[in-house]
N, C-alpha and C. Protein backbone atom coordinates (compact mmCIF):
# COMPACT_ATOMS: atom_id res chain seq x y z
N MET A 1 0.82 -1.18 0.01
CA MET A 1 -0.01 -0.02 -0.02
C MET A 1 0.87 1.23 -0.01
N LYS A 2 0.50 2.21 -0.83
CA LYS A 2 1.16 3.50 -0.84
C LYS A 2 0.24 4.56 -0.24
N ILE A 3 0.84 5.59 0.23
CA ILE A 3 0.09 6.80 0.63
C ILE A 3 0.37 7.79 -0.46
N LYS A 4 -0.69 8.35 -1.02
CA LYS A 4 -0.56 9.32 -2.12
C LYS A 4 -1.25 10.64 -1.74
N LEU A 5 -0.69 11.72 -2.24
CA LEU A 5 -1.30 13.03 -2.14
C LEU A 5 -1.48 13.51 -3.58
N LEU A 6 -2.77 13.72 -3.95
CA LEU A 6 -3.10 14.26 -5.27
C LEU A 6 -3.37 15.74 -5.09
N VAL A 7 -2.76 16.56 -5.94
CA VAL A 7 -3.02 18.01 -5.87
C VAL A 7 -3.21 18.57 -7.31
N ILE A 8 -3.91 19.65 -7.41
CA ILE A 8 -4.13 20.35 -8.67
C ILE A 8 -3.09 21.49 -8.77
N GLY A 9 -2.31 21.48 -9.81
CA GLY A 9 -1.36 22.56 -10.06
C GLY A 9 -0.05 22.42 -9.32
N LYS A 10 1.01 22.96 -9.98
CA LYS A 10 2.32 22.90 -9.38
C LYS A 10 2.48 23.87 -8.20
N THR A 11 3.50 23.62 -7.41
CA THR A 11 3.85 24.49 -6.29
C THR A 11 4.68 25.62 -6.84
N ASP A 12 4.22 26.83 -6.72
CA ASP A 12 4.93 27.99 -7.30
C ASP A 12 6.03 28.53 -6.38
N GLU A 13 5.81 28.50 -5.11
CA GLU A 13 6.77 29.10 -4.16
C GLU A 13 7.94 28.18 -3.83
N LYS A 14 9.15 28.64 -4.02
CA LYS A 14 10.31 27.83 -3.78
C LYS A 14 10.38 27.34 -2.34
N PHE A 15 10.07 28.18 -1.40
CA PHE A 15 10.20 27.76 0.00
C PHE A 15 9.20 26.66 0.35
N LEU A 16 8.04 26.66 -0.29
CA LEU A 16 7.09 25.56 -0.05
C LEU A 16 7.57 24.28 -0.70
N GLU A 17 8.11 24.41 -1.90
CA GLU A 17 8.66 23.20 -2.58
C GLU A 17 9.81 22.60 -1.79
N GLU A 18 10.65 23.45 -1.18
CA GLU A 18 11.73 22.94 -0.35
C GLU A 18 11.21 22.23 0.88
N GLY A 19 10.16 22.80 1.49
CA GLY A 19 9.55 22.16 2.68
C GLY A 19 8.93 20.84 2.30
N ILE A 20 8.21 20.79 1.17
CA ILE A 20 7.63 19.55 0.71
C ILE A 20 8.67 18.48 0.49
N GLN A 21 9.74 18.82 -0.18
CA GLN A 21 10.82 17.89 -0.46
C GLN A 21 11.51 17.44 0.85
N LYS A 22 11.62 18.32 1.82
CA LYS A 22 12.22 17.97 3.11
C LYS A 22 11.44 16.83 3.75
N TYR A 23 10.10 16.99 3.79
CA TYR A 23 9.28 15.96 4.46
C TYR A 23 9.14 14.71 3.61
N LEU A 24 9.11 14.84 2.29
CA LEU A 24 9.07 13.65 1.44
C LEU A 24 10.32 12.83 1.66
N ASN A 25 11.45 13.47 1.79
CA ASN A 25 12.72 12.74 2.02
C ASN A 25 12.69 12.05 3.37
N ARG A 26 12.17 12.73 4.38
CA ARG A 26 12.05 12.09 5.69
C ARG A 26 11.09 10.91 5.69
N LEU A 27 10.00 11.05 4.94
CA LEU A 27 8.97 9.98 4.93
C LEU A 27 9.49 8.72 4.23
N LYS A 28 10.50 8.80 3.40
CA LYS A 28 11.05 7.60 2.74
C LYS A 28 11.43 6.51 3.74
N HIS A 29 11.79 6.89 4.93
CA HIS A 29 12.26 5.97 5.97
C HIS A 29 11.08 5.23 6.66
N TYR A 30 9.85 5.65 6.37
CA TYR A 30 8.70 5.16 7.11
C TYR A 30 7.77 4.35 6.21
N HIS A 31 7.44 4.90 5.04
CA HIS A 31 6.41 4.26 4.23
C HIS A 31 6.47 4.84 2.81
N PRO A 32 6.11 4.05 1.77
CA PRO A 32 6.10 4.60 0.45
C PRO A 32 5.04 5.71 0.30
N VAL A 33 5.49 6.87 -0.15
CA VAL A 33 4.62 8.04 -0.31
C VAL A 33 4.84 8.59 -1.71
N GLU A 34 3.72 8.93 -2.33
CA GLU A 34 3.79 9.47 -3.71
C GLU A 34 3.09 10.80 -3.75
N PHE A 35 3.72 11.79 -4.34
CA PHE A 35 3.15 13.13 -4.50
C PHE A 35 2.84 13.29 -5.99
N ILE A 36 1.53 13.37 -6.26
CA ILE A 36 1.08 13.46 -7.65
C ILE A 36 0.47 14.80 -7.91
N VAL A 37 1.11 15.54 -8.81
CA VAL A 37 0.64 16.88 -9.23
C VAL A 37 -0.12 16.77 -10.54
N ILE A 38 -1.35 17.09 -10.48
CA ILE A 38 -2.19 17.11 -11.67
C ILE A 38 -2.12 18.55 -12.28
N PRO A 39 -1.72 18.66 -13.53
CA PRO A 39 -1.54 20.00 -14.13
C PRO A 39 -2.88 20.79 -14.06
N ASP A 40 -2.71 22.10 -13.90
CA ASP A 40 -3.86 23.01 -13.97
C ASP A 40 -4.59 22.79 -15.29
N ILE A 41 -5.88 23.04 -15.27
CA ILE A 41 -6.69 23.01 -16.50
C ILE A 41 -6.23 24.18 -17.39
N LYS A 42 -5.91 23.88 -18.65
CA LYS A 42 -5.52 24.98 -19.56
C LYS A 42 -6.67 25.93 -19.75
N GLN A 43 -6.40 27.20 -19.66
CA GLN A 43 -7.36 28.26 -19.82
C GLN A 43 -8.49 28.11 -18.80
N GLY A 44 -8.13 27.65 -17.62
CA GLY A 44 -9.12 27.46 -16.53
C GLY A 44 -9.84 28.71 -16.13
N GLY A 45 -9.25 29.86 -16.36
CA GLY A 45 -9.87 31.15 -16.04
C GLY A 45 -11.12 31.43 -16.87
N LYS A 46 -11.27 30.74 -17.96
CA LYS A 46 -12.44 30.92 -18.81
C LYS A 46 -13.62 30.05 -18.38
N TYR A 47 -13.39 29.17 -17.41
CA TYR A 47 -14.42 28.25 -16.93
C TYR A 47 -15.19 28.91 -15.74
N THR A 48 -16.45 28.50 -15.60
CA THR A 48 -17.17 28.86 -14.37
C THR A 48 -16.58 27.99 -13.29
N ALA A 49 -16.86 28.38 -12.02
CA ALA A 49 -16.34 27.60 -10.88
C ALA A 49 -16.83 26.14 -10.97
N ASP A 50 -18.10 25.95 -11.31
CA ASP A 50 -18.65 24.57 -11.38
C ASP A 50 -18.01 23.77 -12.49
N LYS A 51 -17.80 24.40 -13.64
CA LYS A 51 -17.21 23.68 -14.78
C LYS A 51 -15.72 23.34 -14.48
N LEU A 52 -15.05 24.23 -13.77
CA LEU A 52 -13.67 24.01 -13.42
C LEU A 52 -13.58 22.86 -12.41
N LYS A 53 -14.46 22.86 -11.40
CA LYS A 53 -14.46 21.75 -10.44
C LYS A 53 -14.77 20.41 -11.13
N GLU A 54 -15.67 20.45 -12.10
CA GLU A 54 -16.02 19.25 -12.85
C GLU A 54 -14.82 18.72 -13.62
N ALA A 55 -14.12 19.62 -14.32
CA ALA A 55 -12.93 19.21 -15.13
C ALA A 55 -11.83 18.69 -14.20
N GLU A 56 -11.55 19.39 -13.11
CA GLU A 56 -10.53 18.94 -12.15
C GLU A 56 -10.91 17.64 -11.52
N GLY A 57 -12.25 17.52 -11.24
CA GLY A 57 -12.74 16.29 -10.58
C GLY A 57 -12.49 15.06 -11.46
N LYS A 58 -12.67 15.22 -12.78
CA LYS A 58 -12.38 14.08 -13.68
C LYS A 58 -10.92 13.67 -13.64
N LEU A 59 -10.08 14.66 -13.56
CA LEU A 59 -8.61 14.40 -13.49
C LEU A 59 -8.26 13.72 -12.18
N ILE A 60 -8.84 14.20 -11.06
CA ILE A 60 -8.58 13.58 -9.77
C ILE A 60 -9.08 12.13 -9.78
N LEU A 61 -10.31 11.87 -10.20
CA LEU A 61 -10.88 10.56 -10.23
C LEU A 61 -10.12 9.64 -11.15
N GLY A 62 -9.52 10.17 -12.19
CA GLY A 62 -8.70 9.37 -13.10
C GLY A 62 -7.45 8.84 -12.46
N LYS A 63 -7.03 9.40 -11.31
CA LYS A 63 -5.87 8.97 -10.63
C LYS A 63 -6.18 8.03 -9.46
N VAL A 64 -7.41 7.81 -9.19
CA VAL A 64 -7.87 6.99 -8.07
C VAL A 64 -8.31 5.62 -8.58
N GLN A 65 -7.73 4.55 -7.97
CA GLN A 65 -8.08 3.21 -8.38
C GLN A 65 -9.31 2.73 -7.61
N GLU A 66 -9.90 1.66 -8.10
CA GLU A 66 -11.17 1.19 -7.49
C GLU A 66 -11.08 0.90 -6.01
N GLY A 67 -10.04 0.24 -5.54
CA GLY A 67 -9.95 -0.13 -4.13
C GLY A 67 -9.35 0.91 -3.24
N ASP A 68 -8.93 2.07 -3.78
CA ASP A 68 -8.28 3.11 -2.99
C ASP A 68 -9.23 3.67 -1.98
N TYR A 69 -8.65 4.05 -0.82
CA TYR A 69 -9.39 4.77 0.21
C TYR A 69 -9.09 6.22 0.01
N LEU A 70 -10.06 6.98 -0.47
CA LEU A 70 -9.93 8.39 -0.83
C LEU A 70 -10.38 9.32 0.28
N ILE A 71 -9.48 10.19 0.68
CA ILE A 71 -9.75 11.17 1.70
C ILE A 71 -9.53 12.55 1.13
N LEU A 72 -10.55 13.37 1.19
CA LEU A 72 -10.45 14.77 0.70
C LEU A 72 -9.98 15.66 1.84
N LEU A 73 -8.98 16.46 1.54
CA LEU A 73 -8.58 17.50 2.53
C LEU A 73 -9.47 18.68 2.28
N ASP A 74 -10.42 18.84 3.20
CA ASP A 74 -11.53 19.74 2.96
C ASP A 74 -11.83 20.48 4.27
N GLU A 75 -12.12 21.79 4.17
CA GLU A 75 -12.34 22.60 5.38
C GLU A 75 -13.51 22.09 6.20
N LYS A 76 -14.45 21.36 5.60
CA LYS A 76 -15.61 20.85 6.37
C LYS A 76 -15.41 19.40 6.87
N GLY A 77 -14.16 18.90 6.74
CA GLY A 77 -13.89 17.52 7.16
C GLY A 77 -13.64 17.44 8.65
N LYS A 78 -13.37 16.21 9.05
CA LYS A 78 -13.07 15.91 10.48
C LYS A 78 -11.74 16.51 10.84
N SER A 79 -11.64 16.95 12.08
CA SER A 79 -10.36 17.48 12.62
C SER A 79 -9.79 16.43 13.55
N PHE A 80 -8.48 16.35 13.56
CA PHE A 80 -7.75 15.42 14.45
C PHE A 80 -6.65 16.14 15.17
N THR A 81 -6.30 15.64 16.33
CA THR A 81 -5.03 15.98 16.90
C THR A 81 -3.98 15.15 16.17
N SER A 82 -2.74 15.48 16.33
CA SER A 82 -1.67 14.70 15.69
C SER A 82 -1.69 13.24 16.15
N PRO A 83 -1.81 12.97 17.48
CA PRO A 83 -1.88 11.56 17.90
C PRO A 83 -3.12 10.85 17.32
N GLU A 84 -4.24 11.54 17.24
CA GLU A 84 -5.43 10.90 16.65
C GLU A 84 -5.19 10.57 15.19
N PHE A 85 -4.55 11.49 14.46
CA PHE A 85 -4.23 11.22 13.06
C PHE A 85 -3.28 10.01 12.93
N ALA A 86 -2.32 9.93 13.82
CA ALA A 86 -1.39 8.77 13.87
C ALA A 86 -2.13 7.49 14.07
N ALA A 87 -3.10 7.53 14.99
CA ALA A 87 -3.91 6.30 15.22
C ALA A 87 -4.74 5.93 14.00
N PHE A 88 -5.26 6.95 13.31
CA PHE A 88 -6.02 6.72 12.08
C PHE A 88 -5.06 6.07 11.05
N LEU A 89 -3.86 6.58 10.91
CA LEU A 89 -2.89 6.01 9.96
C LEU A 89 -2.64 4.55 10.25
N GLN A 90 -2.43 4.24 11.54
CA GLN A 90 -2.13 2.86 11.94
C GLN A 90 -3.30 1.97 11.55
N LYS A 91 -4.49 2.44 11.80
CA LYS A 91 -5.72 1.64 11.48
C LYS A 91 -5.80 1.37 9.94
N ARG A 92 -5.55 2.40 9.16
CA ARG A 92 -5.64 2.27 7.68
C ARG A 92 -4.51 1.41 7.16
N LEU A 93 -3.32 1.51 7.76
CA LEU A 93 -2.18 0.69 7.32
C LEU A 93 -2.42 -0.78 7.61
N ASN A 94 -3.20 -1.05 8.65
CA ASN A 94 -3.56 -2.43 8.99
C ASN A 94 -4.69 -2.99 8.14
N ALA A 95 -5.43 -2.11 7.48
CA ALA A 95 -6.58 -2.52 6.68
C ALA A 95 -6.11 -3.01 5.30
N VAL A 96 -6.98 -3.76 4.66
CA VAL A 96 -6.66 -4.22 3.29
C VAL A 96 -7.21 -3.20 2.34
N THR A 97 -6.37 -2.27 1.93
CA THR A 97 -6.73 -1.21 1.01
C THR A 97 -5.59 -1.10 -0.04
N THR A 98 -5.99 -0.87 -1.26
CA THR A 98 -5.00 -0.72 -2.29
C THR A 98 -4.03 0.41 -1.98
N ASN A 99 -4.53 1.61 -1.81
CA ASN A 99 -3.75 2.76 -1.46
C ASN A 99 -4.58 3.71 -0.57
N LEU A 100 -3.88 4.49 0.19
CA LEU A 100 -4.49 5.54 0.98
C LEU A 100 -4.22 6.83 0.25
N VAL A 101 -5.28 7.42 -0.34
CA VAL A 101 -5.13 8.56 -1.24
C VAL A 101 -5.77 9.78 -0.61
N PHE A 102 -4.97 10.86 -0.44
CA PHE A 102 -5.46 12.13 0.02
C PHE A 102 -5.48 13.06 -1.18
N ALA A 103 -6.48 13.96 -1.23
CA ALA A 103 -6.60 14.86 -2.35
C ALA A 103 -6.84 16.29 -1.90
N VAL A 104 -6.19 17.21 -2.56
CA VAL A 104 -6.41 18.63 -2.36
C VAL A 104 -7.03 19.16 -3.65
N GLY A 105 -8.17 19.76 -3.56
CA GLY A 105 -8.87 20.25 -4.77
C GLY A 105 -8.25 21.54 -5.26
N GLY A 106 -8.86 22.06 -6.29
CA GLY A 106 -8.44 23.35 -6.84
C GLY A 106 -8.98 24.48 -5.98
N ALA A 107 -8.88 25.67 -6.52
CA ALA A 107 -9.26 26.90 -5.77
C ALA A 107 -10.75 26.88 -5.35
N PHE A 108 -11.58 26.18 -6.08
CA PHE A 108 -13.02 26.17 -5.78
C PHE A 108 -13.46 24.90 -5.09
N GLY A 109 -12.52 23.98 -4.77
CA GLY A 109 -12.88 22.79 -4.07
C GLY A 109 -13.07 21.63 -5.04
N PHE A 110 -13.93 20.70 -4.62
CA PHE A 110 -14.15 19.45 -5.34
C PHE A 110 -15.50 19.42 -6.03
N SER A 111 -15.61 18.66 -7.06
CA SER A 111 -16.86 18.47 -7.76
C SER A 111 -17.74 17.50 -6.94
N PRO A 112 -19.04 17.49 -7.21
CA PRO A 112 -19.95 16.56 -6.53
C PRO A 112 -19.51 15.13 -6.74
N GLU A 113 -18.99 14.79 -7.94
CA GLU A 113 -18.58 13.40 -8.21
C GLU A 113 -17.39 12.99 -7.33
N VAL A 114 -16.49 13.90 -7.04
CA VAL A 114 -15.37 13.58 -6.17
C VAL A 114 -15.86 13.39 -4.73
N TYR A 115 -16.78 14.27 -4.30
CA TYR A 115 -17.32 14.10 -2.94
C TYR A 115 -18.04 12.75 -2.85
N GLN A 116 -18.76 12.36 -3.87
CA GLN A 116 -19.47 11.12 -3.85
C GLN A 116 -18.51 9.91 -3.79
N ARG A 117 -17.36 9.99 -4.48
CA ARG A 117 -16.40 8.87 -4.46
C ARG A 117 -15.61 8.79 -3.16
N ALA A 118 -15.48 9.90 -2.48
CA ALA A 118 -14.62 9.97 -1.31
C ALA A 118 -15.09 9.05 -0.21
N ASN A 119 -14.15 8.46 0.53
CA ASN A 119 -14.45 7.65 1.68
C ASN A 119 -14.49 8.49 2.95
N ASP A 120 -13.85 9.64 2.91
CA ASP A 120 -13.78 10.49 4.12
C ASP A 120 -13.31 11.89 3.73
N LYS A 121 -13.52 12.83 4.68
CA LYS A 121 -13.02 14.21 4.52
C LYS A 121 -12.33 14.57 5.81
N PHE A 122 -11.12 15.14 5.66
CA PHE A 122 -10.37 15.62 6.82
C PHE A 122 -10.08 17.12 6.66
N SER A 123 -10.02 17.80 7.78
CA SER A 123 -9.66 19.20 7.78
C SER A 123 -8.31 19.33 8.54
N LEU A 124 -7.39 20.04 7.98
CA LEU A 124 -6.13 20.30 8.67
C LEU A 124 -6.24 21.43 9.69
N SER A 125 -7.27 22.28 9.52
CA SER A 125 -7.46 23.39 10.42
C SER A 125 -8.80 24.05 10.13
N LYS A 126 -9.30 24.80 11.06
CA LYS A 126 -10.48 25.61 10.82
C LYS A 126 -10.13 26.88 10.02
N MET A 127 -8.85 27.18 10.01
CA MET A 127 -8.35 28.32 9.22
C MET A 127 -8.26 27.93 7.75
N THR A 128 -8.19 28.96 6.91
CA THR A 128 -8.02 28.69 5.47
C THR A 128 -6.59 28.95 5.14
N PHE A 129 -6.02 27.97 4.38
CA PHE A 129 -4.66 28.08 3.86
C PHE A 129 -4.67 28.02 2.35
N THR A 130 -3.64 28.49 1.71
CA THR A 130 -3.58 28.33 0.27
C THR A 130 -3.43 26.85 -0.06
N HIS A 131 -3.86 26.46 -1.24
CA HIS A 131 -3.78 25.08 -1.65
C HIS A 131 -2.33 24.59 -1.71
N GLN A 132 -1.45 25.53 -1.95
CA GLN A 132 -0.03 25.17 -1.99
C GLN A 132 0.56 24.97 -0.61
N MET A 133 0.15 25.74 0.37
CA MET A 133 0.62 25.53 1.73
C MET A 133 0.15 24.21 2.33
N VAL A 134 -1.08 23.86 2.00
CA VAL A 134 -1.68 22.64 2.55
C VAL A 134 -0.79 21.44 2.25
N ARG A 135 -0.13 21.45 1.10
CA ARG A 135 0.73 20.32 0.70
C ARG A 135 1.84 20.07 1.73
N MET A 136 2.55 21.16 2.06
CA MET A 136 3.63 21.02 3.02
C MET A 136 3.10 20.67 4.38
N PHE A 137 1.98 21.30 4.80
CA PHE A 137 1.41 21.02 6.13
C PHE A 137 1.02 19.53 6.21
N PHE A 138 0.43 19.00 5.13
CA PHE A 138 -0.01 17.64 5.10
C PHE A 138 1.21 16.72 5.26
N PHE A 139 2.25 16.94 4.50
CA PHE A 139 3.40 16.05 4.57
C PHE A 139 4.09 16.13 5.93
N GLU A 140 4.08 17.34 6.55
CA GLU A 140 4.65 17.43 7.89
C GLU A 140 3.80 16.61 8.89
N GLN A 141 2.48 16.69 8.76
CA GLN A 141 1.62 15.92 9.69
C GLN A 141 1.76 14.44 9.43
N LEU A 142 1.94 14.03 8.18
CA LEU A 142 2.14 12.62 7.89
C LEU A 142 3.45 12.14 8.52
N TYR A 143 4.48 12.94 8.38
CA TYR A 143 5.76 12.61 9.03
C TYR A 143 5.60 12.54 10.53
N ARG A 144 4.93 13.52 11.10
CA ARG A 144 4.70 13.55 12.54
C ARG A 144 3.96 12.31 12.98
N GLY A 145 2.95 11.95 12.20
CA GLY A 145 2.17 10.75 12.53
C GLY A 145 3.02 9.47 12.62
N PHE A 146 3.93 9.34 11.64
CA PHE A 146 4.81 8.15 11.67
C PHE A 146 5.80 8.18 12.83
N THR A 147 6.27 9.37 13.19
CA THR A 147 7.16 9.45 14.36
C THR A 147 6.44 9.14 15.63
N ILE A 148 5.18 9.52 15.71
CA ILE A 148 4.34 9.19 16.90
C ILE A 148 4.20 7.68 16.97
N LEU A 149 3.87 7.04 15.83
CA LEU A 149 3.66 5.61 15.83
C LEU A 149 4.92 4.81 16.22
N ARG A 150 6.13 5.42 15.92
CA ARG A 150 7.36 4.74 16.27
C ARG A 150 7.91 5.19 17.62
N GLY A 151 7.21 6.09 18.26
CA GLY A 151 7.68 6.55 19.56
C GLY A 151 8.92 7.40 19.51
N GLU A 152 9.15 8.06 18.37
CA GLU A 152 10.32 8.91 18.20
C GLU A 152 10.11 10.29 18.82
N LYS A 153 11.19 11.02 19.03
CA LYS A 153 11.15 12.31 19.76
C LYS A 153 10.89 13.49 18.85
N TYR A 154 9.93 13.46 18.01
CA TYR A 154 9.63 14.62 17.15
C TYR A 154 8.41 15.36 17.74
N HIS A 155 7.41 14.59 18.10
CA HIS A 155 6.18 15.19 18.62
C HIS A 155 6.25 15.30 20.14
N ASN A 156 5.87 16.45 20.67
CA ASN A 156 5.83 16.66 22.13
C ASN A 156 4.37 16.71 22.58
N ASP A 157 4.03 15.90 23.55
CA ASP A 157 2.68 15.96 24.12
C ASP A 157 2.63 16.83 25.34
């Protein structure tokens, strides 16, 4: 089983890309993790919000396999403490699932089809972050979760 993060559009800010790479490198020691960047829709600015979500949704769903456990990173999703997220990770890693797939939608969120396919929704915070920042925050929390599971000295309770 792999853990995947699907995102729409490349990371523009160098400092965020460096942070993402830092945590991806750290995660190599714990579990296979894949970062999948789905290119922005060409001329997306000409689309309505609903049409853009629909087009992005098709691209997201095209990357999700039938048995994958899909979790949307969504502001209306469940919130966890870091230890609770680590416990969730352990539970999913013990389950028979093809992949654990997390997705970050585009600027307008997810299409109804993506919400329908999703197995769960998680929120990283009640605050709003840019879609590019969420990537780094997610990988840091994933890393933190694995260090908690291994009893390492990264997370302080």
